[in-house]
Amino acid sequence: MGAIALHICFGNRGFKWPLRDEDAVQVWTADHNMIATLPGRVLRHLVELHLAGAAMQDEIGGLLRRPLGRLRARASVVKPYDQSRRDALRVQRRSRRK
C-alpha cells in the first residue's frame, strides 16, 4: 500500500483540509482535559498501520477459509478409530524395548 493522505472534515459543512505531517491533533477528554498532542505524521502512520493490519487479516482469513473445504472432503477418508489395531501397535512397540 502506498502512502495515504488524511483530510480533516468538519461535519456536514463540507469544509475539509489535508492533514500535513507538520500539523497536530489534540486529544481531549469529555471533561476538557488535554491528554495528548499527536503530530499529523504519527496519525498517518497509525492509519496506514491499521489499514495494513486489516488487509492482512482479510488475506489470512481468505487463506484459512480455502483449506477447510479440502479438510472436510478428506474427513470421509479418515479411518474410524480401531481399538484392537491400537492395542496391537502398542504391543509391538513395547516388545521392541526389551
C-alpha atoms as a PDB file:
ATOM      1  CA  MET A   1       0.000   0.000   0.000  1.00  0.00           C
ATOM      2  CA  GLY A   2       1.343   3.415  -0.904  1.00  0.00           C
ATOM      3  CA  ALA A   3       1.340   6.472   1.289  1.00  0.00           C
ATOM      4  CA  ILE A   4      -2.097   7.832   2.121  1.00  0.00           C
ATOM      5  CA  ALA A   5      -3.353  11.393   2.585  1.00  0.00           C
ATOM      6  CA  LEU A   6      -5.629  12.220   5.522  1.00  0.00           C
ATOM      7  CA  HIS A   7      -8.160  15.061   5.389  1.00  0.00           C
ATOM      8  CA  ILE A   8      -9.833  16.720   8.355  1.00  0.00           C
ATOM      9  CA  CYS A   9     -13.567  17.128   7.622  1.00  0.00           C
ATOM     10  CA  PHE A  10     -15.915  19.389   9.557  1.00  0.00           C
ATOM     11  CA  GLY A  11     -19.281  17.624   9.779  1.00  0.00           C
ATOM     12  CA  ASN A  12     -21.820  18.483   7.142  1.00  0.00           C
ATOM     13  CA  ARG A  13     -20.339  21.915   6.332  1.00  0.00           C
ATOM     14  CA  GLY A  14     -18.338  20.355   3.514  1.00  0.00           C
ATOM     15  CA  PHE A  15     -15.135  22.055   4.655  1.00  0.00           C
ATOM     16  CA  LYS A  16     -12.000  19.913   4.775  1.00  0.00           C
ATOM     17  CA  TRP A  17      -8.264  20.361   4.645  1.00  0.00           C
ATOM     18  CA  PRO A  18      -5.391  17.885   4.263  1.00  0.00           C
ATOM     19  CA  LEU A  19      -3.649  16.825   7.452  1.00  0.00           C
ATOM     20  CA  ARG A  20       0.027  17.502   6.834  1.00  0.00           C
ATOM     21  CA  ASP A  21       2.953  15.953   8.702  1.00  0.00           C
ATOM     22  CA  GLU A  22       3.672  19.233  10.497  1.00  0.00           C
ATOM     23  CA  ASP A  23       0.041  19.636  11.699  1.00  0.00           C
ATOM     24  CA  ALA A  24      -1.015  18.348  15.118  1.00  0.00           C
ATOM     25  CA  VAL A  25      -4.229  16.883  16.532  1.00  0.00           C
ATOM     26  CA  GLN A  26      -5.032  17.474  20.187  1.00  0.00           C
ATOM     27  CA  VAL A  27      -6.772  14.694  22.106  1.00  0.00           C
ATOM     28  CA  TRP A  28      -9.149  15.891  24.845  1.00  0.00           C
ATOM     29  CA  THR A  29     -11.281  14.086  27.438  1.00  0.00           C
ATOM     30  CA  ALA A  30     -15.002  14.762  27.838  1.00  0.00           C
ATOM     31  CA  ASP A  31     -14.285  16.983  30.860  1.00  0.00           C
ATOM     32  CA  HIS A  32     -11.930  19.212  28.816  1.00  0.00           C
ATOM     33  CA  ASN A  33      -8.531  17.872  29.863  1.00  0.00           C
ATOM     34  CA  MET A  34      -5.981  17.582  27.089  1.00  0.00           C
ATOM     35  CA  ILE A  35      -4.456  14.089  27.023  1.00  0.00           C
ATOM     36  CA  ALA A  36      -2.002  14.335  24.154  1.00  0.00           C
ATOM     37  CA  THR A  37      -0.986  16.165  21.016  1.00  0.00           C
ATOM     38  CA  LEU A  38      -0.394  13.834  18.087  1.00  0.00           C
ATOM     39  CA  PRO A  39       1.603  15.009  15.070  1.00  0.00           C
ATOM     40  CA  GLY A  40      -0.034  14.513  11.665  1.00  0.00           C
ATOM     41  CA  ARG A  41       2.825  12.200  10.685  1.00  0.00           C
ATOM     42  CA  VAL A  42       2.011   9.866  13.612  1.00  0.00           C
ATOM     43  CA  LEU A  43      -1.691   9.815  12.748  1.00  0.00           C
ATOM     44  CA  ARG A  44      -0.944   8.990   9.116  1.00  0.00           C
ATOM     45  CA  HIS A  45       1.319   6.123  10.182  1.00  0.00           C
ATOM     46  CA  LEU A  46      -1.310   4.837  12.638  1.00  0.00           C
ATOM     47  CA  VAL A  47      -3.984   4.819   9.932  1.00  0.00           C
ATOM     48  CA  GLU A  48      -1.617   3.125   7.471  1.00  0.00           C
ATOM     49  CA  LEU A  49      -0.761   0.501  10.091  1.00  0.00           C
ATOM     50  CA  HIS A  50      -4.437  -0.084  10.855  1.00  0.00           C
ATOM     51  CA  LEU A  51      -5.343  -0.455   7.166  1.00  0.00           C
ATOM     52  CA  ALA A  52      -2.382  -2.752   6.501  1.00  0.00           C
ATOM     53  CA  GLY A  53      -3.374  -4.899   9.501  1.00  0.00           C
ATOM     54  CA  ALA A  54      -6.973  -5.096   8.292  1.00  0.00           C
ATOM     55  CA  ALA A  55      -5.804  -6.073   4.800  1.00  0.00           C
ATOM     56  CA  MET A  56      -3.513  -8.723   6.286  1.00  0.00           C
ATOM     57  CA  GLN A  57      -6.340 -10.138   8.438  1.00  0.00           C
ATOM     58  CA  ASP A  58      -8.563 -10.293   5.380  1.00  0.00           C
ATOM     59  CA  GLU A  59      -5.836 -12.060   3.399  1.00  0.00           C
ATOM     60  CA  ILE A  60      -5.153 -14.523   6.229  1.00  0.00           C
ATOM     61  CA  GLY A  61      -8.884 -15.111   6.619  1.00  0.00           C
ATOM     62  CA  GLY A  62      -9.091 -15.930   2.915  1.00  0.00           C
ATOM     63  CA  LEU A  63      -6.212 -18.368   3.237  1.00  0.00           C
ATOM     64  CA  LEU A  64      -7.791 -20.046   6.241  1.00  0.00           C
ATOM     65  CA  ARG A  65     -11.192 -20.334   4.561  1.00  0.00           C
ATOM     66  CA  ARG A  66      -9.862 -22.156   1.483  1.00  0.00           C
ATOM     67  CA  PRO A  67      -8.340 -25.291   3.056  1.00  0.00           C
ATOM     68  CA  LEU A  68     -11.402 -26.011   5.188  1.00  0.00           C
ATOM     69  CA  GLY A  69     -13.218 -27.338   2.136  1.00  0.00           C
ATOM     70  CA  ARG A  70     -10.368 -29.737   1.463  1.00  0.00           C
ATOM     71  CA  LEU A  71     -10.244 -30.832   5.096  1.00  0.00           C
ATOM     72  CA  ARG A  72     -13.946 -31.590   5.101  1.00  0.00           C
ATOM     73  CA  ALA A  73     -13.559 -33.617   1.915  1.00  0.00           C
ATOM     74  CA  ARG A  74     -10.769 -35.672   3.488  1.00  0.00           C
ATOM     75  CA  ALA A  75     -12.721 -36.313   6.672  1.00  0.00           C
ATOM     76  CA  SER A  76     -14.585 -39.167   4.977  1.00  0.00           C
ATOM     77  CA  VAL A  77     -11.231 -40.792   4.080  1.00  0.00           C
ATOM     78  CA  VAL A  78     -10.036 -40.905   7.695  1.00  0.00           C
ATOM     79  CA  LYS A  79     -10.317 -44.399   9.105  1.00  0.00           C
ATOM     80  CA  PRO A  80     -12.580 -44.925  12.089  1.00  0.00           C
ATOM     81  CA  TYR A  81     -10.999 -45.426  15.497  1.00  0.00           C
ATOM     82  CA  ASP A  82      -9.911 -49.072  15.844  1.00  0.00           C
ATOM     83  CA  GLN A  83      -9.019 -50.023  19.430  1.00  0.00           C
ATOM     84  CA  SER A  84      -7.790 -53.514  18.512  1.00  0.00           C
ATOM     85  CA  ARG A  85      -5.346 -52.069  15.957  1.00  0.00           C
ATOM     86  CA  ARG A  86      -4.060 -49.552  18.508  1.00  0.00           C
ATOM     87  CA  ASP A  87      -3.584 -52.338  21.068  1.00  0.00           C
ATOM     88  CA  ALA A  88      -1.624 -54.418  18.548  1.00  0.00           C
ATOM     89  CA  LEU A  89       0.656 -51.482  17.724  1.00  0.00           C
ATOM     90  CA  ARG A  90       1.195 -50.790  21.428  1.00  0.00           C
ATOM     91  CA  VAL A  91       2.261 -54.438  21.982  1.00  0.00           C
ATOM     92  CA  GLN A  92       4.698 -54.196  19.043  1.00  0.00           C
ATOM     93  CA  ARG A  93       6.274 -51.014  20.408  1.00  0.00           C
ATOM     94  CA  ARG A  94       6.676 -52.458  23.875  1.00  0.00           C
ATOM     95  CA  SER A  95       8.202 -55.692  22.544  1.00  0.00           C
ATOM     96  CA  ARG A  96      10.916 -53.646  20.789  1.00  0.00           C
ATOM     97  CA  ARG A  97      12.013 -52.084  24.073  1.00  0.00           C
ATOM     98  CA  LYS A  98      13.073 -55.407  25.595  1.00  0.00           C
END
